[in-house]
Amino acid sequence: MVDIFSGRPLVNREGHAVDPEQTLQNKIVGLYFSAAWCSLCQDFTPLLCDFYSELVEDAPSPAPFEIVFVSSDRNQEEMVDYMHNMHGSWLAVPFHDTFKHELKKRYNITAIPKLVIVKQTGEVITDKGRKQIRERGLNCFRNWLEGADIFQNFCS
């Protein structure tokens, strides 16, 4: 993942810059393409929050997983409100960073919400993260780990 975000700051929920090379190292990353105005996004985002919390925040041994929000919101205020009101403690591509358009193109995002699970290199593990979470819950993470070639003792 360092390859994709190298030299590009991300922001946390509070709007502070975060170094992606340090934060995303040795992690599977879920690129979450979403927006506050999207009703399907509003439906899935709470489920993704629960998934992230169980896997990372509430787990005795946090999983090597991080979410990076790529906004399709109409303005920065809408993005910030969405992050504060509905998101977990995820990272985001800054609203005015044109890199979000490159990511949408690279991962062929034509509709939202879309959760693309990628390796550190940016190679896609699955572009069906949303469907897999809905159908299999935490169990899908094991398959993502295998696909990412990250060797770690992880128990769900």
Foldseek 3Di string as FASTA:
>chain_A
DCQLCPPAWKAWLVGDTDHCCVLLPLAKEKEWEDFPVDPVCVVQLQLVQVLQCCQAVVDPDHHRYAYEYLYPYPDQVRVSCCSVPRHHGHIYRRPPDCVSVVVCVVVVPPDDGWIFIAAPNRHTLDRHPSVCCVVPNNVVVVSSCVSRVRDDDDDD
